[in-house]
Protein backbone atom coordinates (compact mmCIF):
# COMPACT_ATOMS: atom_id res chain seq x y z
CA MET A 1 13.73 -18.44 18.10
CA ILE A 2 16.61 -16.71 16.32
CA VAL A 3 15.53 -18.02 12.88
CA ILE A 4 12.03 -16.53 13.07
CA GLN A 5 13.33 -13.21 14.38
CA PHE A 6 15.74 -12.97 11.47
CA LEU A 7 13.03 -13.95 8.96
CA LEU A 8 10.49 -11.46 10.33
CA ILE A 9 12.92 -8.55 10.41
CA LEU A 10 14.11 -9.42 6.92
CA ALA A 11 10.51 -9.63 5.66
CA VAL A 12 9.65 -6.25 7.14
CA LEU A 13 12.75 -4.59 5.70
CA LEU A 14 12.28 -6.13 2.26
CA LEU A 15 8.63 -5.10 2.14
CA LEU A 16 9.52 -1.58 3.20
CA VAL A 17 12.26 -1.17 0.60
CA PHE A 18 10.21 -2.79 -2.17
CA PHE A 19 7.14 -0.65 -1.64
CA LEU A 20 9.00 2.58 -1.12
CA ARG A 21 10.91 2.04 -4.36
CA HIS A 22 8.20 0.49 -6.55
CA HIS A 23 4.93 1.83 -5.17
CA GLY A 24 2.47 2.78 -7.90
CA THR A 25 4.04 0.50 -10.50
CA THR A 26 2.56 -2.56 -12.14
CA ARG A 27 5.27 -4.67 -10.54
CA ALA A 28 4.25 -3.54 -7.05
CA ALA A 29 0.56 -4.15 -7.80
CA ALA A 30 1.37 -7.68 -8.95
CA GLY A 31 3.49 -8.23 -5.84
CA VAL A 32 0.61 -7.11 -3.63
CA LYS A 33 -1.79 -9.53 -5.31
CA ILE A 34 0.62 -12.44 -5.10
CA GLY A 35 1.44 -11.69 -1.46
CA PHE A 36 -2.23 -11.45 -0.59
CA ALA A 37 -2.98 -14.75 -2.31
CA LEU A 38 -0.12 -16.48 -0.50
CA PHE A 39 -1.28 -15.09 2.82
CA LEU A 40 -4.82 -16.36 2.17
CA ILE A 41 -3.46 -19.80 1.29
CA PHE A 42 -1.38 -19.79 4.49
CA GLY A 43 -4.52 -18.85 6.46
CA ALA A 44 -6.52 -21.67 4.86
CA VAL A 45 -3.75 -24.17 5.66
CA ALA A 46 -3.67 -22.89 9.25
CA VAL A 47 -7.40 -23.57 9.58
CA LEU A 48 -7.47 -26.90 7.74
CA ALA A 49 -4.19 -28.36 9.03
CA PRO A 50 -3.09 -26.63 12.22
CA GLY A 51 -0.59 -29.42 12.87
CA ALA A 52 1.26 -28.55 9.66
CA VAL A 53 1.50 -24.92 10.77
CA THR A 54 2.79 -26.03 14.17
CA ASP A 55 5.41 -28.19 12.44
CA LEU A 56 6.43 -25.23 10.27
CA ALA A 57 6.55 -23.04 13.37
CA LYS A 58 8.92 -25.46 15.10
CA ILE A 59 11.16 -25.53 12.01
CA VAL A 60 11.55 -21.74 12.04
CA GLY A 61 11.95 -21.57 15.82
CA VAL A 62 8.49 -20.67 17.10
CA GLY A 63 6.82 -22.75 19.78
CA ARG A 64 3.28 -22.89 18.40
CA GLY A 65 1.55 -22.51 15.07
CA ALA A 66 -0.78 -19.86 16.50
CA ASP A 67 2.26 -17.72 17.32
CA LEU A 68 3.54 -18.11 13.77
CA VAL A 69 0.16 -17.03 12.40
CA MET A 70 0.19 -14.02 14.75
CA TYR A 71 3.69 -13.03 13.58
CA GLY A 72 2.48 -13.29 10.00
CA LEU A 73 -0.47 -11.05 10.85
CA VAL A 74 1.86 -8.47 12.36
CA VAL A 75 3.94 -8.37 9.17
CA ALA A 76 0.79 -8.27 7.01
CA PHE A 77 -0.66 -5.43 9.09
CA GLY A 78 2.57 -3.47 8.75
CA PHE A 79 2.51 -4.02 5.00
CA ALA A 80 -1.14 -2.96 4.75
CA THR A 81 -0.44 0.17 6.78
CA ILE A 82 2.51 1.18 4.60
CA ASN A 83 0.54 0.44 1.43
CA THR A 84 -2.45 2.50 2.61
CA TYR A 85 -0.23 5.41 3.66
CA LEU A 86 1.52 5.47 0.27
CA ARG A 87 -1.80 5.33 -1.57
CA PHE A 88 -3.18 8.27 0.41
CA LYS A 89 -0.01 10.27 -0.24
CA GLU A 90 -0.34 9.49 -3.95
CA LEU A 91 -3.99 10.60 -3.95
CA GLU A 92 -3.11 13.81 -2.09
CA LEU A 93 -0.54 14.61 -4.74
CA ARG A 94 -3.00 13.91 -7.55
CA TYR A 95 -5.65 16.14 -5.95
CA ALA A 96 -3.12 18.94 -5.47
CA ARG A 97 -2.06 18.69 -9.13
CA LEU A 98 -5.69 18.69 -10.23
CA ALA A 99 -6.48 21.75 -8.09
CA ARG A 100 -3.46 23.57 -9.54
CA ALA A 101 -4.47 22.69 -13.09
CA ILE A 102 -8.03 23.91 -12.51
CA ALA A 103 -6.77 27.14 -10.91
CA LEU A 104 -4.37 27.79 -13.79
CA ARG A 105 -7.01 27.01 -16.40
CA SER A 106 -9.58 29.31 -14.80
CA ALA A 107 -6.97 32.09 -14.45
CA GLU A 108 -5.90 31.83 -18.11
CA SER A 109 -9.27 31.86 -19.82
CA PRO A 110 -11.99 34.25 -18.67
CA SER A 111 -15.50 32.93 -18.57
CA PRO A 112 -17.94 34.15 -21.28
CA GLY A 113 -19.78 36.49 -18.87
CA ASP A 114 -16.62 38.46 -18.02
CA THR A 115 -16.44 40.46 -21.29
CA ASP A 116 -18.44 43.46 -22.56
CA HIS A 117 -20.10 43.54 -25.94
CA ASP A 118 -16.98 45.12 -27.41
CA GLY A 119 -14.71 42.38 -25.99
CA THR A 120 -13.16 44.30 -23.07
CA LEU A 121 -12.60 42.37 -19.88
CA HIS A 122 -14.43 43.19 -16.62
CA GLN A 123 -12.62 43.19 -13.31
CA SER A 124 -14.83 41.76 -10.59
């Protein structure tokens, strides 16, 4: 059981460091796609050849293949949660920057209805 514990903790730490350092980059997006594809392939193998997953589970120190799949799901869920959180934070920042830019733009240039015929500015 020690091998799988080490592998799972290492996987979680590596995912955390990778996505905190490279989130929003092309490299991270490619890593997400590759990881997702590998996870789907692992899921297909688990359905089509459960004995192979059980053999792999025994190699890494887990009793059953179903447990190995569950551990993989836990790591994948943690990854998806971190990825979603970072995306929302990125969107919040973009919306805040957009709101600031709109506020600055509207404060700098008065709208056409705010001036008199002689060009003086109204205070509303």
